[in-house]
Amino acid sequence: MRPAVRLAPGRPGPAGLAPLILAILCAAFLAGAVLGAFTSSAAAGEAAAAIGEDGQVYGYDTFLEHLFGCAKYHVLVLLFATSVFGAVLIPAALAFRGFALACSAAGIAAAYPGRGALLAAVALGLPAVLTVPALFLLAFDGFAFSARLSALCLRRTPPAPFLRGDDRALAAAAALFLAAAVECFAVPPLVRLIL
């Protein structure tokens, strides 16, 4: 059994900070997604050229390439978590992920009138159902860890630590492997059916 964490007077506990961290991360991701959806008109021609008749959407040949493609933002968030600036860099990474996802989806939808929304849902949505929650799991823990590092560097009292996130990290890793398998084995045949 873990000992109870004693908080200094006026020091927020983990339960009090969790909604604030989630609100910051969600706002960053949604702001990026909205901006990506509005600026996607230039990507419509590129999206049409990127999807081949064989159903290959991502341009990767092997499972490991798909895995790295799924995990690149997650690795970036983990690197930012070890920085004292991670509380700023992690929301920026989520905003960029939201931007890239929405811009790509809107570009595919515009490039294929009539079936573009379904194509975007299959090509981007199926893997994103797994990769985006995994990104939020890692971003939450990374943001909290970076905030503690920043407080320690500034010689301030750090916020109370959250419970260890080993199970969340394993869940994120499992989601990334499953997303890579979906990208590699399920998406190309489904895209061929739609095209």
Foldseek 3Di string as FASTA:
>chain_A
DDDDDDDDPPFDAPVVCLVVLVVLLVVLLVLLLVVLLVPQPVCQVVQVVQQDLLQQRPPDDDLVVLLCVLCVLVVVLVVLLVALCSLVVLSNSSSNVSNVLNSSLNSQCVNDDPCSNVLSCLQRVVLCVLSVVLSVLSNSQSNLSSQQVNCVVVVHDRHHHDPDDPVSNVSSSVSSSVSSCCSNPPRSVVNSVSD
